[in-house]
Amino acid sequence: MIDRKTVLYVAQLARLRLSDEEIDSFTGQLDSIIGYIDQLNSADTEGVEPTCMVAPSHDSLRDDSVVQSLPPETVLSNGPNVKKGHFAVPKVINS
């Protein structure tokens, strides 16, 4: 059971200032989330093999293979500002 004290503790760790209204709202929301996790933990997963993919037909971990890429001149021709064979962008960090 999540209570106000726990919400205040988590808010302190996250450096958040919460109003009383937000504390009440988050108390209910977090308690609901923890309840859902408890429900998931009670599911019987005996004999279920762990997986990272839901659909076996999609394999995001395919083998790397060398393929033809675009020549640098073609890629750089799309840039508005090119210098010394690279895209030139405005400086964003002050030194």
Foldseek 3Di string as FASTA:
>chain_A
DADLVNLVVVCVVVVHDDDPVVSVVVSVVVVVVVVVVVVVVPDDCVPPDDDPDPDPVDDPPDDDDDDDDDDLVVVCVPAPDDDPSHRDDDDDDDD
